[in-house]
């Protein structure tokens, strides 16, 4: 008896999620606390712990001010909005030096897994490139597989260092620019 092997179509091997309907992404300006507060409110305790590396039931006034202090160069942020205008995610870069920026991404639980994080990461990477950054550095909890996979699916990761519960991923913005231009 001979078995016939029928390969699965490519689409069956890799599940592609549909692009979120009518989600808009725009750059945030300085002091947009309402957007920050709405996104934070949409994060479950688990999502907050993954994003802020520990239990974070609320943002302190100082942290809120720092996260909202966007200047367009050393602190860049983009936000995603649902069709009804509700903020559903934020991605930000904070300059570490002239060539490196720290990356953070958060998407409200109801919109996770629908491509919002990817769109935010692409948008903030484009802004970071325009601002002159060459590398993005993301400190993530090692258990945060979603963020690690997202970053590696969008940008070439050039370095990974794990230290206990935290993993630092460094991604190249310039290699991504060359790859997408080719």
N, C-alpha and C. Protein backbone atom coordinates (compact mmCIF):
# COMPACT_ATOMS: atom_id res chain seq x y z
N UNK A 1 0.85 -1.18 0.00
CA UNK A 1 0.00 0.00 0.00
C UNK A 1 0.89 1.24 0.00
N UNK A 2 0.64 2.16 -0.91
CA UNK A 2 1.42 3.37 -1.04
C UNK A 2 0.59 4.55 -0.54
N UNK A 3 1.20 5.32 0.34
CA UNK A 3 0.51 6.51 0.86
C UNK A 3 0.83 7.70 -0.03
N UNK A 4 -0.15 8.50 -0.32
CA UNK A 4 0.04 9.71 -1.10
C UNK A 4 0.10 10.89 -0.13
N UNK A 5 1.16 11.65 -0.24
CA UNK A 5 1.33 12.81 0.62
C UNK A 5 0.88 14.04 -0.15
N UNK A 6 -0.07 14.72 0.40
CA UNK A 6 -0.58 15.93 -0.22
C UNK A 6 -0.16 17.09 0.65
N UNK A 7 0.74 17.95 0.15
CA UNK A 7 1.18 19.07 0.99
C UNK A 7 0.03 20.04 1.24
N UNK A 8 0.06 20.60 2.42
CA UNK A 8 -0.95 21.60 2.76
C UNK A 8 -0.66 22.88 2.00
N UNK A 9 -1.69 23.57 1.58
CA UNK A 9 -1.45 24.88 0.95
C UNK A 9 -0.76 25.80 1.95
N UNK A 10 0.01 26.72 1.43
CA UNK A 10 0.76 27.65 2.28
C UNK A 10 -0.17 28.36 3.27
N UNK A 11 -1.34 28.74 2.83
CA UNK A 11 -2.26 29.46 3.72
C UNK A 11 -2.72 28.59 4.87
N UNK A 12 -2.75 27.28 4.69
CA UNK A 12 -3.17 26.40 5.78
C UNK A 12 -2.05 26.23 6.80
N UNK A 13 -0.81 26.36 6.35
CA UNK A 13 0.31 26.22 7.27
C UNK A 13 0.47 27.45 8.16
N UNK A 14 0.19 28.57 7.62
CA UNK A 14 0.39 29.82 8.36
C UNK A 14 -0.92 30.58 8.41
N UNK A 15 -1.51 30.62 9.56
CA UNK A 15 -2.79 31.30 9.72
C UNK A 15 -2.58 32.80 9.68
N UNK A 16 -3.23 33.44 8.75
CA UNK A 16 -3.13 34.90 8.65
C UNK A 16 -4.41 35.50 9.19
N UNK A 17 -4.25 36.43 10.06
CA UNK A 17 -5.41 37.10 10.63
C UNK A 17 -5.80 38.25 9.73
N UNK A 18 -7.07 38.52 9.64
CA UNK A 18 -7.50 39.64 8.79
C UNK A 18 -7.05 40.97 9.38
N UNK A 19 -6.80 41.92 8.50
CA UNK A 19 -6.42 43.25 8.95
C UNK A 19 -7.60 43.87 9.69
N UNK A 20 -7.32 44.55 10.79
CA UNK A 20 -8.42 45.15 11.54
C UNK A 20 -9.20 46.14 10.67
N UNK A 21 -10.51 46.09 10.74
CA UNK A 21 -11.31 46.98 9.90
C UNK A 21 -11.20 48.43 10.34
N UNK A 22 -10.89 49.28 9.41
CA UNK A 22 -10.93 50.73 9.64
C UNK A 22 -10.18 51.22 10.87
N UNK A 23 -9.13 50.54 11.27
CA UNK A 23 -8.29 51.03 12.36
C UNK A 23 -7.41 52.13 11.80
N UNK A 24 -7.36 53.26 12.49
CA UNK A 24 -6.48 54.34 12.06
C UNK A 24 -5.30 54.44 13.02
N UNK A 25 -4.17 54.83 12.49
CA UNK A 25 -2.96 55.01 13.29
C UNK A 25 -2.47 56.42 13.03
N UNK A 26 -2.16 57.13 14.11
CA UNK A 26 -1.61 58.48 13.96
C UNK A 26 -0.59 58.73 15.05
N UNK A 27 0.26 59.70 14.78
CA UNK A 27 1.27 60.08 15.76
C UNK A 27 0.60 60.82 16.92
N UNK A 28 1.08 60.54 18.12
CA UNK A 28 0.56 61.25 19.29
C UNK A 28 1.34 62.54 19.51
N UNK A 29 0.65 63.51 20.05
CA UNK A 29 1.29 64.76 20.43
C UNK A 29 1.55 64.78 21.92
N UNK A 30 2.22 65.80 22.35
CA UNK A 30 2.56 65.96 23.76
C UNK A 30 1.30 66.09 24.61
N UNK A 31 1.27 65.36 25.71
CA UNK A 31 0.22 65.51 26.70
C UNK A 31 -1.12 64.86 26.40
N UNK A 32 -1.19 63.91 25.49
CA UNK A 32 -2.46 63.25 25.18
C UNK A 32 -2.77 62.17 26.22
N UNK A 33 -3.04 62.64 27.43
CA UNK A 33 -3.31 61.74 28.55
C UNK A 33 -4.58 60.93 28.35
N UNK A 34 -5.56 61.47 27.65
CA UNK A 34 -6.81 60.75 27.43
C UNK A 34 -6.57 59.46 26.64
N UNK A 35 -5.69 59.50 25.64
CA UNK A 35 -5.37 58.32 24.85
C UNK A 35 -4.62 57.31 25.72
N UNK A 36 -3.63 57.78 26.45
CA UNK A 36 -2.86 56.93 27.35
C UNK A 36 -3.78 56.24 28.37
N UNK A 37 -4.66 57.01 28.98
CA UNK A 37 -5.57 56.46 30.00
C UNK A 37 -6.53 55.43 29.41
N UNK A 38 -7.05 55.70 28.21
CA UNK A 38 -8.00 54.77 27.59
C UNK A 38 -7.33 53.44 27.25
N UNK A 39 -6.12 53.49 26.73
CA UNK A 39 -5.41 52.25 26.40
C UNK A 39 -5.07 51.49 27.68
N UNK A 40 -4.58 52.18 28.68
CA UNK A 40 -4.26 51.51 29.95
C UNK A 40 -5.50 50.85 30.55
N UNK A 41 -6.63 51.54 30.49
CA UNK A 41 -7.87 50.98 31.04
C UNK A 41 -8.31 49.72 30.30
N UNK A 42 -7.94 49.59 29.03
CA UNK A 42 -8.31 48.42 28.25
C UNK A 42 -7.38 47.22 28.40
N UNK A 43 -6.35 47.37 29.22
CA UNK A 43 -5.42 46.27 29.47
C UNK A 43 -5.84 45.50 30.71
N UNK A 44 -5.86 44.18 30.60
CA UNK A 44 -6.15 43.33 31.75
C UNK A 44 -4.95 43.38 32.71
N UNK A 45 -5.13 42.93 33.94
CA UNK A 45 -3.98 42.86 34.86
C UNK A 45 -2.81 42.06 34.26
N UNK A 46 -3.10 41.00 33.54
CA UNK A 46 -2.03 40.19 32.90
C UNK A 46 -1.31 41.01 31.84
N UNK A 47 -2.04 41.70 30.98
CA UNK A 47 -1.42 42.52 29.94
C UNK A 47 -0.61 43.65 30.55
N UNK A 48 -1.11 44.25 31.62
CA UNK A 48 -0.36 45.31 32.30
C UNK A 48 0.95 44.76 32.86
N UNK A 49 0.89 43.57 33.44
CA UNK A 49 2.11 42.96 34.00
C UNK A 49 3.12 42.67 32.90
N UNK A 50 2.65 42.18 31.75
CA UNK A 50 3.57 41.92 30.65
C UNK A 50 4.18 43.20 30.10
N UNK A 51 3.40 44.26 30.01
CA UNK A 51 3.88 45.53 29.47
C UNK A 51 4.80 46.26 30.44
N UNK A 52 4.41 46.30 31.73
CA UNK A 52 5.16 47.09 32.71
C UNK A 52 6.04 46.24 33.62
N UNK A 53 6.15 44.95 33.33
CA UNK A 53 7.05 44.02 34.04
C UNK A 53 6.71 43.85 35.50
N UNK A 54 5.45 43.90 35.82
CA UNK A 54 5.00 43.67 37.19
C UNK A 54 3.58 44.17 37.36
N UNK A 55 3.04 43.88 38.52
CA UNK A 55 1.67 44.32 38.82
C UNK A 55 1.59 45.84 38.74
N UNK A 56 0.67 46.32 37.92
CA UNK A 56 0.51 47.76 37.72
C UNK A 56 -0.98 48.08 37.69
N UNK A 57 -1.60 48.19 38.87
CA UNK A 57 -3.04 48.46 38.88
C UNK A 57 -3.41 49.85 38.38
N UNK A 58 -2.45 50.78 38.49
CA UNK A 58 -2.68 52.14 38.00
C UNK A 58 -1.35 52.78 37.67
N UNK A 59 -1.39 53.80 36.85
CA UNK A 59 -0.19 54.57 36.53
C UNK A 59 -0.06 55.71 37.53
N UNK A 60 1.10 55.87 38.10
CA UNK A 60 1.31 56.99 39.03
C UNK A 60 1.29 58.29 38.22
N UNK A 61 1.03 59.41 38.87
CA UNK A 61 1.03 60.68 38.13
C UNK A 61 2.35 60.94 37.40
N UNK A 62 3.47 60.60 38.00
CA UNK A 62 4.77 60.81 37.36
C UNK A 62 4.96 59.95 36.12
N UNK A 63 4.53 58.70 36.19
CA UNK A 63 4.64 57.80 35.04
C UNK A 63 3.70 58.28 33.93
N UNK A 64 2.50 58.69 34.29
CA UNK A 64 1.56 59.21 33.28
C UNK A 64 2.15 60.41 32.56
N UNK A 65 2.73 61.35 33.33
CA UNK A 65 3.34 62.53 32.71
C UNK A 65 4.48 62.13 31.79
N UNK A 66 5.33 61.21 32.24
CA UNK A 66 6.48 60.78 31.43
C UNK A 66 6.02 60.10 30.14
N UNK A 67 5.02 59.24 30.23
CA UNK A 67 4.53 58.54 29.04
C UNK A 67 3.83 59.48 28.07
N UNK A 68 3.27 60.55 28.57
CA UNK A 68 2.57 61.52 27.71
C UNK A 68 3.49 62.63 27.20
N UNK A 69 4.73 62.68 27.68
CA UNK A 69 5.67 63.74 27.29
C UNK A 69 6.34 63.40 25.96
N UNK A 70 5.56 63.41 24.90
CA UNK A 70 6.02 63.07 23.56
C UNK A 70 6.55 64.34 22.91
N UNK A 71 7.77 64.27 22.36
CA UNK A 71 8.35 65.44 21.72
C UNK A 71 8.62 65.27 20.22
N UNK A 72 8.33 64.09 19.68
CA UNK A 72 8.50 63.87 18.26
C UNK A 72 9.90 63.50 17.83
N UNK A 73 10.87 63.49 18.74
CA UNK A 73 12.21 63.06 18.37
C UNK A 73 12.82 62.11 19.40
N UNK A 74 13.01 62.57 20.64
CA UNK A 74 13.57 61.67 21.65
C UNK A 74 12.50 60.80 22.29
N UNK A 75 11.25 61.17 22.11
CA UNK A 75 10.12 60.37 22.58
C UNK A 75 9.03 60.44 21.51
N UNK A 76 8.93 59.35 20.74
CA UNK A 76 7.95 59.24 19.66
C UNK A 76 6.85 58.29 20.09
N UNK A 77 5.63 58.57 19.71
CA UNK A 77 4.54 57.64 20.01
C UNK A 77 3.50 57.71 18.90
N UNK A 78 2.96 56.54 18.57
CA UNK A 78 1.84 56.44 17.64
C UNK A 78 0.73 55.68 18.35
N UNK A 79 -0.50 55.98 17.97
CA UNK A 79 -1.64 55.30 18.59
C UNK A 79 -2.56 54.78 17.51
N UNK A 80 -3.25 53.69 17.84
CA UNK A 80 -4.26 53.11 16.96
C UNK A 80 -5.63 53.40 17.55
N UNK A 81 -6.60 53.63 16.66
CA UNK A 81 -7.96 53.96 17.07
C UNK A 81 -8.95 53.06 16.34
N UNK A 82 -9.93 52.56 17.09
CA UNK A 82 -10.99 51.73 16.52
C UNK A 82 -11.86 52.60 15.61
N UNK A 83 -12.73 51.97 14.81
CA UNK A 83 -13.60 52.74 13.91
C UNK A 83 -14.43 53.81 14.62
N UNK A 84 -14.78 53.58 15.91
CA UNK A 84 -15.56 54.59 16.64
C UNK A 84 -14.69 55.66 17.29
N UNK A 85 -13.36 55.62 17.05
CA UNK A 85 -12.46 56.62 17.60
C UNK A 85 -11.84 56.26 18.94
N UNK A 86 -12.21 55.12 19.51
CA UNK A 86 -11.66 54.68 20.79
C UNK A 86 -10.20 54.28 20.63
N UNK A 87 -9.31 54.80 21.49
CA UNK A 87 -7.91 54.39 21.44
C UNK A 87 -7.78 52.91 21.80
N UNK A 88 -7.01 52.16 20.97
CA UNK A 88 -6.87 50.72 21.20
C UNK A 88 -5.43 50.25 21.30
N UNK A 89 -4.47 51.15 21.13
CA UNK A 89 -3.08 50.74 21.26
C UNK A 89 -2.12 51.90 21.10
N UNK A 90 -0.92 51.71 21.65
CA UNK A 90 0.14 52.72 21.56
C UNK A 90 1.45 51.99 21.36
N UNK A 91 2.30 52.53 20.49
CA UNK A 91 3.68 52.09 20.37
C UNK A 91 4.55 53.33 20.54
N UNK A 92 5.64 53.18 21.28
CA UNK A 92 6.48 54.34 21.53
C UNK A 92 7.95 53.98 21.43
N UNK A 93 8.74 54.98 21.10
CA UNK A 93 10.19 54.90 21.12
C UNK A 93 10.70 56.00 22.01
N UNK A 94 11.62 55.65 22.89
CA UNK A 94 12.28 56.64 23.74
C UNK A 94 13.77 56.53 23.46
N UNK A 95 14.37 57.61 23.01
CA UNK A 95 15.78 57.60 22.64
C UNK A 95 16.68 57.25 23.81
N UNK A 96 17.59 56.33 23.56
CA UNK A 96 18.61 55.96 24.54
C UNK A 96 19.90 56.72 24.26
N UNK A 97 20.18 56.94 22.99
CA UNK A 97 21.29 57.76 22.51
C UNK A 97 20.94 58.17 21.09
N UNK A 98 21.90 58.70 20.34
CA UNK A 98 21.60 59.19 19.00
C UNK A 98 21.17 58.10 18.02
N UNK A 99 21.51 56.83 18.30
CA UNK A 99 21.24 55.78 17.34
C UNK A 99 20.33 54.66 17.85
N UNK A 100 20.06 54.62 19.14
CA UNK A 100 19.27 53.55 19.75
C UNK A 100 18.05 54.12 20.46
N UNK A 101 16.92 53.43 20.31
CA UNK A 101 15.70 53.85 21.00
C UNK A 101 15.06 52.63 21.65
N UNK A 102 14.49 52.85 22.82
CA UNK A 102 13.76 51.78 23.51
C UNK A 102 12.34 51.72 22.96
N UNK A 103 11.86 50.49 22.72
CA UNK A 103 10.54 50.25 22.14
C UNK A 103 9.59 49.71 23.19
N UNK A 104 8.35 50.18 23.15
CA UNK A 104 7.27 49.60 23.97
C UNK A 104 5.99 49.62 23.14
N UNK A 105 5.22 48.56 23.26
CA UNK A 105 3.95 48.44 22.52
C UNK A 105 2.90 47.91 23.47
N UNK A 106 1.71 48.48 23.43
CA UNK A 106 0.58 47.94 24.19
C UNK A 106 -0.68 48.04 23.34
N UNK A 107 -1.45 46.96 23.35
CA UNK A 107 -2.73 46.90 22.62
C UNK A 107 -3.78 46.41 23.61
N UNK A 108 -4.92 47.08 23.66
CA UNK A 108 -5.98 46.68 24.58
C UNK A 108 -6.38 45.23 24.31
N UNK A 109 -6.77 44.54 25.34
CA UNK A 109 -7.05 43.11 25.24
C UNK A 109 -8.06 42.76 24.14
N UNK A 110 -9.10 43.55 24.01
CA UNK A 110 -10.16 43.24 23.04
C UNK A 110 -9.67 43.28 21.59
N UNK A 111 -8.54 43.92 21.34
CA UNK A 111 -8.01 44.04 19.98
C UNK A 111 -6.72 43.25 19.77
N UNK A 112 -6.25 42.53 20.76
CA UNK A 112 -5.03 41.75 20.60
C UNK A 112 -5.27 40.61 19.62
N UNK A 113 -4.23 40.27 18.85
CA UNK A 113 -4.32 39.19 17.88
C UNK A 113 -5.02 39.57 16.59
N UNK A 114 -5.23 40.86 16.36
CA UNK A 114 -5.95 41.30 15.16
C UNK A 114 -5.10 42.20 14.26
N UNK A 115 -3.78 42.20 14.48
CA UNK A 115 -2.89 42.96 13.62
C UNK A 115 -2.62 44.38 14.06
N UNK A 116 -3.20 44.81 15.17
CA UNK A 116 -3.01 46.19 15.63
C UNK A 116 -1.56 46.42 16.07
N UNK A 117 -1.00 45.49 16.82
CA UNK A 117 0.39 45.62 17.27
C UNK A 117 1.35 45.72 16.10
N UNK A 118 1.11 44.92 15.09
CA UNK A 118 1.97 44.95 13.89
C UNK A 118 1.91 46.31 13.21
N UNK A 119 0.70 46.83 13.04
CA UNK A 119 0.56 48.15 12.40
C UNK A 119 1.22 49.24 13.23
N UNK A 120 1.07 49.16 14.55
CA UNK A 120 1.71 50.13 15.42
C UNK A 120 3.24 50.05 15.32
N UNK A 121 3.75 48.81 15.35
CA UNK A 121 5.21 48.63 15.27
C UNK A 121 5.75 49.14 13.94
N UNK A 122 5.08 48.84 12.85
CA UNK A 122 5.52 49.34 11.55
C UNK A 122 5.53 50.87 11.52
N UNK A 123 4.49 51.48 12.07
CA UNK A 123 4.38 52.94 12.07
C UNK A 123 5.45 53.59 12.93
N UNK A 124 5.68 53.06 14.13
CA UNK A 124 6.67 53.68 15.00
C UNK A 124 8.08 53.42 14.48
N UNK A 125 8.30 52.28 13.83
CA UNK A 125 9.62 52.00 13.23
C UNK A 125 9.90 52.98 12.10
N UNK A 126 8.89 53.28 11.31
CA UNK A 126 9.05 54.26 10.22
C UNK A 126 9.41 55.62 10.79
N UNK A 127 8.71 56.03 11.84
CA UNK A 127 9.03 57.32 12.50
C UNK A 127 10.42 57.30 13.11
N UNK A 128 10.79 56.18 13.73
CA UNK A 128 12.12 56.07 14.34
C UNK A 128 13.22 56.18 13.30
N UNK A 129 13.03 55.53 12.17
CA UNK A 129 13.99 55.60 11.07
C UNK A 129 14.15 57.05 10.62
N UNK A 130 13.02 57.74 10.44
CA UNK A 130 13.04 59.14 10.01
C UNK A 130 13.73 60.04 11.04
N UNK A 131 13.64 59.67 12.31
CA UNK A 131 14.28 60.45 13.38
C UNK A 131 15.77 60.12 13.51
N UNK A 132 16.25 59.15 12.73
CA UNK A 132 17.67 58.84 12.72
C UNK A 132 18.11 57.66 13.57
N UNK A 133 17.16 56.93 14.14
CA UNK A 133 17.53 55.77 14.95
C UNK A 133 17.89 54.59 14.03
N UNK A 134 18.91 53.84 14.45
CA UNK A 134 19.36 52.65 13.71
C UNK A 134 18.87 51.36 14.34
N UNK A 135 18.71 51.36 15.66
CA UNK A 135 18.36 50.14 16.38
C UNK A 135 17.25 50.42 17.39
N UNK A 136 16.38 49.40 17.54
CA UNK A 136 15.35 49.44 18.58
C UNK A 136 15.71 48.40 19.62
N UNK A 137 15.57 48.76 20.87
CA UNK A 137 15.86 47.86 21.97
C UNK A 137 14.55 47.64 22.74
N UNK A 138 14.17 46.38 22.88
CA UNK A 138 12.92 46.06 23.58
C UNK A 138 13.25 45.15 24.76
N UNK A 139 12.99 45.62 25.96
CA UNK A 139 13.11 44.80 27.17
C UNK A 139 11.74 44.19 27.42
N UNK A 140 11.64 42.87 27.28
CA UNK A 140 10.35 42.19 27.46
C UNK A 140 10.51 41.07 28.47
N UNK A 141 9.42 40.76 29.13
CA UNK A 141 9.46 39.58 29.98
C UNK A 141 9.63 38.37 29.06
N UNK A 142 10.50 37.46 29.45
CA UNK A 142 10.79 36.29 28.62
C UNK A 142 9.52 35.52 28.28
N UNK A 143 8.56 35.51 29.18
CA UNK A 143 7.31 34.79 28.94
C UNK A 143 6.39 35.49 27.94
N UNK A 144 6.73 36.72 27.55
CA UNK A 144 5.89 37.49 26.63
C UNK A 144 6.19 37.09 25.18
N UNK A 145 5.79 35.88 24.85
CA UNK A 145 6.04 35.32 23.53
C UNK A 145 5.43 36.17 22.43
N UNK A 146 4.25 36.72 22.67
CA UNK A 146 3.57 37.53 21.66
C UNK A 146 4.42 38.70 21.20
N UNK A 147 5.02 39.42 22.14
CA UNK A 147 5.83 40.58 21.78
C UNK A 147 7.13 40.15 21.10
N UNK A 148 7.72 39.08 21.57
CA UNK A 148 8.97 38.61 20.95
C UNK A 148 8.73 38.16 19.50
N UNK A 149 7.63 37.45 19.27
CA UNK A 149 7.29 37.00 17.92
C UNK A 149 6.93 38.19 17.04
N UNK A 150 6.17 39.13 17.57
CA UNK A 150 5.79 40.33 16.81
C UNK A 150 7.03 41.07 16.33
N UNK A 151 7.94 41.36 17.24
CA UNK A 151 9.14 42.12 16.87
C UNK A 151 9.94 41.38 15.79
N UNK A 152 10.16 40.09 15.98
CA UNK A 152 10.94 39.31 15.02
C UNK A 152 10.23 39.17 13.67
N UNK A 153 8.90 39.28 13.65
CA UNK A 153 8.17 39.16 12.38
C UNK A 153 8.18 40.47 11.59
N UNK A 154 8.50 41.58 12.25
CA UNK A 154 8.47 42.88 11.59
C UNK A 154 9.87 43.40 11.28
N UNK A 155 10.80 43.20 12.20
CA UNK A 155 12.16 43.74 12.05
C UNK A 155 13.19 42.64 12.26
N UNK A 156 14.36 42.76 11.62
CA UNK A 156 15.41 41.77 11.86
C UNK A 156 16.01 41.95 13.26
N UNK A 157 15.87 40.92 14.08
CA UNK A 157 16.44 40.95 15.42
C UNK A 157 17.91 40.58 15.29
N UNK A 158 18.79 41.46 15.79
CA UNK A 158 20.23 41.24 15.64
C UNK A 158 20.90 40.79 16.93
N UNK A 159 20.18 40.89 18.06
CA UNK A 159 20.77 40.45 19.32
C UNK A 159 19.66 40.10 20.30
N UNK A 160 19.86 39.02 21.05
CA UNK A 160 18.92 38.59 22.08
C UNK A 160 19.73 38.24 23.31
N UNK A 161 19.41 38.88 24.43
CA UNK A 161 20.09 38.60 25.69
C UNK A 161 19.02 38.34 26.74
N UNK A 162 19.09 37.16 27.36
CA UNK A 162 18.14 36.82 28.41
C UNK A 162 18.87 36.86 29.74
N UNK A 163 18.26 37.57 30.68
CA UNK A 163 18.81 37.69 32.03
C UNK A 163 17.66 37.45 32.99
N UNK A 164 17.57 36.23 33.49
CA UNK A 164 16.47 35.88 34.38
C UNK A 164 15.15 35.97 33.65
N UNK A 165 14.18 36.68 34.23
CA UNK A 165 12.85 36.73 33.63
C UNK A 165 12.72 37.74 32.48
N UNK A 166 13.79 38.46 32.18
CA UNK A 166 13.71 39.51 31.16
C UNK A 166 14.62 39.17 29.98
N UNK A 167 14.10 39.46 28.78
CA UNK A 167 14.88 39.29 27.56
C UNK A 167 14.97 40.64 26.87
N UNK A 168 16.18 40.99 26.44
CA UNK A 168 16.39 42.22 25.69
C UNK A 168 16.62 41.84 24.24
N UNK A 169 15.75 42.36 23.38
CA UNK A 169 15.86 42.13 21.94
C UNK A 169 16.30 43.43 21.29
N UNK A 170 17.28 43.33 20.41
CA UNK A 170 17.72 44.50 19.66
C UNK A 170 17.43 44.23 18.19
N UNK A 171 16.73 45.16 17.57
CA UNK A 171 16.34 45.01 16.16
C UNK A 171 16.94 46.14 15.35
N UNK A 172 17.29 45.84 14.11
CA UNK A 172 17.87 46.83 13.23
C UNK A 172 16.79 47.52 12.41
N UNK A 173 16.80 48.84 12.45
CA UNK A 173 15.89 49.60 11.59
C UNK A 173 16.47 49.74 10.19
N UNK A 174 17.78 49.82 10.06
CA UNK A 174 18.41 50.02 8.76
C UNK A 174 18.36 48.77 7.92
N UNK A 175 18.57 47.60 8.51
CA UNK A 175 18.47 46.34 7.75
C UNK A 175 17.05 46.16 7.24
N UNK A 176 16.07 46.53 8.04
CA UNK A 176 14.66 46.42 7.62
C UNK A 176 14.38 47.34 6.45
N UNK A 177 14.99 48.53 6.46
CA UNK A 177 14.79 49.47 5.38
C UNK A 177 15.37 48.93 4.08
N UNK A 178 16.54 48.31 4.14
CA UNK A 178 17.16 47.72 2.96
C UNK A 178 16.34 46.55 2.45
N UNK A 179 15.86 45.72 3.39
CA UNK A 179 15.07 44.54 3.01
C UNK A 179 13.77 44.94 2.33
N UNK A 180 13.08 45.93 2.88
CA UNK A 180 11.78 46.31 2.31
C UNK A 180 11.96 47.09 1.01
N UNK A 181 13.10 47.73 0.82
CA UNK A 181 13.33 48.48 -0.41
C UNK A 181 13.72 47.57 -1.57
N UNK A 182 14.27 46.40 -1.27
CA UNK A 182 14.73 45.49 -2.33
C UNK A 182 13.58 44.79 -3.02
